[in-house]
Amino acid sequence: MIKVAVIMPGEMGDAADLLVDVRALEAAGAEMIGLEGDGIEQRILLGAIAAVTHRIKLLLPDVEVEPILQRLSRGRSAVGHPVDETWISIPMPADRESWAATMRDQEAAGVTGVIVPWDPRLIDLLRNPEPEDRSDLLMSTG
């Protein structure tokens, strides 16, 4: 199964909304969260993300912030990807069918994970990755 990393916007609109989205991504099965940019605001946001999550890994911009974020995240932060894994960046697929096809293609290519820019649709795609099959409903209604 392909792992998914999500790159969130680096500028904070509403911090509560950002943290709710990150927790929803974690619950939906995302493997890693990163932020666009590398300024003081992004570092503070990574600390907040570390504090409100318990499983998801934090993708850090550089080693300078790693010691403190390692402590805040209880060992879940990393600079870059594991050396034994292959990650690629992909654009956000247009729909559920495109998402499923992309995941199948990447898995067949031996990719460990994909890095996707944040989109609110990701939460649903992670929870329900395959196109909806309602043949059971069609059979029951004749």
C-alpha atoms as a PDB file:
ATOM      1  CA  MET A   1       0.000   0.000   0.000  1.00  0.00           C
ATOM      2  CA  ILE A   2       1.294   3.418  -0.952  1.00  0.00           C
ATOM      3  CA  LYS A   3       2.010   5.836   1.901  1.00  0.00           C
ATOM      4  CA  VAL A   4       0.828   9.441   1.598  1.00  0.00           C
ATOM      5  CA  ALA A   5       2.581  12.600   2.746  1.00  0.00           C
ATOM      6  CA  VAL A   6       0.695  15.890   2.623  1.00  0.00           C
ATOM      7  CA  ILE A   7       2.292  19.301   2.256  1.00  0.00           C
ATOM      8  CA  MET A   8       0.122  21.856   4.023  1.00  0.00           C
ATOM      9  CA  PRO A   9       0.153  25.598   3.245  1.00  0.00           C
ATOM     10  CA  GLY A  10       2.943  27.339   5.119  1.00  0.00           C
ATOM     11  CA  GLU A  11       0.919  30.411   5.969  1.00  0.00           C
ATOM     12  CA  MET A  12      -1.626  30.159   8.699  1.00  0.00           C
ATOM     13  CA  GLY A  13      -5.117  31.464   8.164  1.00  0.00           C
ATOM     14  CA  ASP A  14      -6.947  29.986  11.112  1.00  0.00           C
ATOM     15  CA  ALA A  15      -4.668  27.840  13.276  1.00  0.00           C
ATOM     16  CA  ALA A  16      -7.599  25.841  14.636  1.00  0.00           C
ATOM     17  CA  ASP A  17      -8.737  24.903  11.123  1.00  0.00           C
ATOM     18  CA  LEU A  18      -5.207  23.846  10.153  1.00  0.00           C
ATOM     19  CA  LEU A  19      -4.849  21.650  13.241  1.00  0.00           C
ATOM     20  CA  VAL A  20      -8.286  20.094  12.701  1.00  0.00           C
ATOM     21  CA  ASP A  21      -7.322  19.268   9.105  1.00  0.00           C
ATOM     22  CA  VAL A  22      -4.020  17.723  10.222  1.00  0.00           C
ATOM     23  CA  ARG A  23      -5.767  15.571  12.827  1.00  0.00           C
ATOM     24  CA  ALA A  24      -8.308  14.465  10.220  1.00  0.00           C
ATOM     25  CA  LEU A  25      -5.480  13.543   7.826  1.00  0.00           C
ATOM     26  CA  GLU A  26      -3.823  11.551  10.599  1.00  0.00           C
ATOM     27  CA  ALA A  27      -7.078   9.716  11.363  1.00  0.00           C
ATOM     28  CA  ALA A  28      -7.569   9.023   7.645  1.00  0.00           C
ATOM     29  CA  GLY A  29      -4.154   7.367   7.418  1.00  0.00           C
ATOM     30  CA  ALA A  30      -1.707   9.955   6.076  1.00  0.00           C
ATOM     31  CA  GLU A  31       1.874   8.960   6.896  1.00  0.00           C
ATOM     32  CA  MET A  32       3.595  12.372   6.995  1.00  0.00           C
ATOM     33  CA  ILE A  33       2.803  16.071   7.172  1.00  0.00           C
ATOM     34  CA  GLY A  34       5.045  18.855   5.961  1.00  0.00           C
ATOM     35  CA  LEU A  35       4.628  22.588   5.488  1.00  0.00           C
ATOM     36  CA  GLU A  36       5.459  24.871   2.595  1.00  0.00           C
ATOM     37  CA  GLY A  37       8.276  27.275   3.416  1.00  0.00           C
ATOM     38  CA  ASP A  38      10.804  27.417   6.224  1.00  0.00           C
ATOM     39  CA  GLY A  39      10.289  30.464   8.405  1.00  0.00           C
ATOM     40  CA  ILE A  40       9.535  31.036  12.050  1.00  0.00           C
ATOM     41  CA  GLU A  41       5.783  30.700  11.444  1.00  0.00           C
ATOM     42  CA  GLN A  42       6.247  27.270   9.843  1.00  0.00           C
ATOM     43  CA  ARG A  43       8.430  26.108  12.724  1.00  0.00           C
ATOM     44  CA  ILE A  44       5.815  27.193  15.264  1.00  0.00           C
ATOM     45  CA  LEU A  45       3.103  25.447  13.246  1.00  0.00           C
ATOM     46  CA  LEU A  46       5.162  22.238  13.151  1.00  0.00           C
ATOM     47  CA  GLY A  47       5.436  22.417  16.932  1.00  0.00           C
ATOM     48  CA  ALA A  48       1.665  22.812  17.223  1.00  0.00           C
ATOM     49  CA  ILE A  49       1.120  19.888  14.846  1.00  0.00           C
ATOM     50  CA  ALA A  50       3.511  17.769  16.905  1.00  0.00           C
ATOM     51  CA  ALA A  51       1.567  18.597  20.055  1.00  0.00           C
ATOM     52  CA  VAL A  52      -1.880  17.650  18.720  1.00  0.00           C
ATOM     53  CA  THR A  53      -0.982  14.487  16.799  1.00  0.00           C
ATOM     54  CA  HIS A  54       0.206  11.109  18.028  1.00  0.00           C
ATOM     55  CA  ARG A  55       1.103   8.946  14.995  1.00  0.00           C
ATOM     56  CA  ILE A  56       1.781  11.042  11.911  1.00  0.00           C
ATOM     57  CA  LYS A  57       5.404  11.879  11.107  1.00  0.00           C
ATOM     58  CA  LEU A  58       6.544  15.479  10.680  1.00  0.00           C
ATOM     59  CA  LEU A  59       8.523  16.249   7.553  1.00  0.00           C
ATOM     60  CA  LEU A  60      11.009  18.924   8.628  1.00  0.00           C
ATOM     61  CA  PRO A  61      12.625  21.518   6.345  1.00  0.00           C
ATOM     62  CA  ASP A  62      16.106  21.270   7.914  1.00  0.00           C
ATOM     63  CA  VAL A  63      18.136  19.734  10.739  1.00  0.00           C
ATOM     64  CA  GLU A  64      18.254  22.975  12.739  1.00  0.00           C
ATOM     65  CA  VAL A  65      14.775  22.441  14.190  1.00  0.00           C
ATOM     66  CA  GLU A  66      15.004  18.661  14.516  1.00  0.00           C
ATOM     67  CA  PRO A  67      16.096  18.378  18.179  1.00  0.00           C
ATOM     68  CA  ILE A  68      13.180  20.343  19.618  1.00  0.00           C
ATOM     69  CA  LEU A  69      10.624  18.881  17.210  1.00  0.00           C
ATOM     70  CA  GLN A  70      11.891  15.367  17.964  1.00  0.00           C
ATOM     71  CA  ARG A  71      11.029  16.000  21.612  1.00  0.00           C
ATOM     72  CA  LEU A  72       7.685  17.668  20.884  1.00  0.00           C
ATOM     73  CA  SER A  73       6.656  14.898  18.485  1.00  0.00           C
ATOM     74  CA  ARG A  74       7.979  12.087  20.674  1.00  0.00           C
ATOM     75  CA  GLY A  75      10.371  10.914  17.960  1.00  0.00           C
ATOM     76  CA  ARG A  76       8.093  11.367  14.943  1.00  0.00           C
ATOM     77  CA  SER A  77      10.027  14.018  13.048  1.00  0.00           C
ATOM     78  CA  ALA A  78      12.381  13.511  10.131  1.00  0.00           C
ATOM     79  CA  VAL A  79      14.403  15.630   7.756  1.00  0.00           C
ATOM     80  CA  GLY A  80      13.757  14.127   4.345  1.00  0.00           C
ATOM     81  CA  HIS A  81      12.539  10.626   3.672  1.00  0.00           C
ATOM     82  CA  PRO A  82      13.986   7.345   4.883  1.00  0.00           C
ATOM     83  CA  VAL A  83      16.903   6.352   2.648  1.00  0.00           C
ATOM     84  CA  ASP A  84      15.421   2.924   1.934  1.00  0.00           C
ATOM     85  CA  GLU A  85      12.133   4.361   0.649  1.00  0.00           C
ATOM     86  CA  THR A  86      11.172   5.967  -2.664  1.00  0.00           C
ATOM     87  CA  TRP A  87       8.861   8.969  -2.459  1.00  0.00           C
ATOM     88  CA  ILE A  88       7.637  11.068  -5.367  1.00  0.00           C
ATOM     89  CA  SER A  89       5.679  14.305  -5.579  1.00  0.00           C
ATOM     90  CA  ILE A  90       2.416  14.197  -7.490  1.00  0.00           C
ATOM     91  CA  PRO A  91      -0.239  16.816  -8.211  1.00  0.00           C
ATOM     92  CA  MET A  92      -3.609  16.408  -6.557  1.00  0.00           C
ATOM     93  CA  PRO A  93      -5.618  14.015  -8.761  1.00  0.00           C
ATOM     94  CA  ALA A  94      -8.831  15.414 -10.197  1.00  0.00           C
ATOM     95  CA  ASP A  95     -11.199  12.794  -8.826  1.00  0.00           C
ATOM     96  CA  ARG A  96     -11.510   9.467  -7.001  1.00  0.00           C
ATOM     97  CA  GLU A  97     -10.887   7.403 -10.151  1.00  0.00           C
ATOM     98  CA  SER A  98      -7.700   9.354 -10.914  1.00  0.00           C
ATOM     99  CA  TRP A  99      -6.569   8.941  -7.302  1.00  0.00           C
ATOM    100  CA  ALA A 100      -7.106   5.172  -7.382  1.00  0.00           C
ATOM    101  CA  ALA A 101      -5.336   4.865 -10.747  1.00  0.00           C
ATOM    102  CA  THR A 102      -2.391   6.952  -9.545  1.00  0.00           C
ATOM    103  CA  MET A 103      -2.015   4.849  -6.394  1.00  0.00           C
ATOM    104  CA  ARG A 104      -2.135   1.603  -8.420  1.00  0.00           C
ATOM    105  CA  ASP A 105       0.416   2.935 -10.929  1.00  0.00           C
ATOM    106  CA  GLN A 106       2.808   4.108  -8.222  1.00  0.00           C
ATOM    107  CA  GLU A 107       2.518   0.831  -6.319  1.00  0.00           C
ATOM    108  CA  ALA A 108       3.247  -1.114  -9.522  1.00  0.00           C
ATOM    109  CA  ALA A 109       6.304   1.105 -10.083  1.00  0.00           C
ATOM    110  CA  GLY A 110       7.640   0.198  -6.631  1.00  0.00           C
ATOM    111  CA  VAL A 111       7.153   3.634  -5.089  1.00  0.00           C
ATOM    112  CA  THR A 112       6.913   3.696  -1.281  1.00  0.00           C
ATOM    113  CA  GLY A 113       4.931   6.908  -1.001  1.00  0.00           C
ATOM    114  CA  VAL A 114       3.529   9.968  -2.703  1.00  0.00           C
ATOM    115  CA  ILE A 115       3.757  13.578  -1.609  1.00  0.00           C
ATOM    116  CA  VAL A 116       0.590  15.526  -2.356  1.00  0.00           C
ATOM    117  CA  PRO A 117      -0.221  19.213  -1.849  1.00  0.00           C
ATOM    118  CA  TRP A 118      -3.054  19.859   0.619  1.00  0.00           C
ATOM    119  CA  ASP A 119      -6.559  19.726  -0.726  1.00  0.00           C
ATOM    120  CA  PRO A 120      -9.668  19.253   1.437  1.00  0.00           C
ATOM    121  CA  ARG A 121     -10.687  16.302  -0.764  1.00  0.00           C
ATOM    122  CA  LEU A 122      -7.671  14.330   0.483  1.00  0.00           C
ATOM    123  CA  ILE A 123      -9.366  13.370   3.742  1.00  0.00           C
ATOM    124  CA  ASP A 124     -12.181  11.640   1.878  1.00  0.00           C
ATOM    125  CA  LEU A 125      -9.796  10.071  -0.669  1.00  0.00           C
ATOM    126  CA  LEU A 126      -7.657   8.599   2.096  1.00  0.00           C
ATOM    127  CA  ARG A 127     -10.706   7.198   3.876  1.00  0.00           C
ATOM    128  CA  ASN A 128     -12.384   5.900   0.688  1.00  0.00           C
ATOM    129  CA  PRO A 129      -9.658   5.429  -1.950  1.00  0.00           C
ATOM    130  CA  GLU A 130     -11.523   3.281  -4.453  1.00  0.00           C
ATOM    131  CA  PRO A 131     -14.239   4.507  -6.793  1.00  0.00           C
ATOM    132  CA  GLU A 132     -17.651   3.832  -5.367  1.00  0.00           C
ATOM    133  CA  ASP A 133     -19.074   0.485  -6.339  1.00  0.00           C
ATOM    134  CA  ARG A 134     -22.800   0.436  -5.781  1.00  0.00           C
ATOM    135  CA  SER A 135     -23.522  -2.782  -7.674  1.00  0.00           C
ATOM    136  CA  ASP A 136     -24.990  -4.173  -4.446  1.00  0.00           C
ATOM    137  CA  LEU A 137     -27.527  -1.360  -4.432  1.00  0.00           C
ATOM    138  CA  LEU A 138     -28.336  -1.868  -8.109  1.00  0.00           C
ATOM    139  CA  MET A 139     -28.910  -5.608  -7.564  1.00  0.00           C
ATOM    140  CA  SER A 140     -31.183  -5.015  -4.601  1.00  0.00           C
ATOM    141  CA  THR A 141     -33.391  -2.564  -6.480  1.00  0.00           C
ATOM    142  CA  GLY A 142     -33.608  -4.703  -9.618  1.00  0.00           C
END
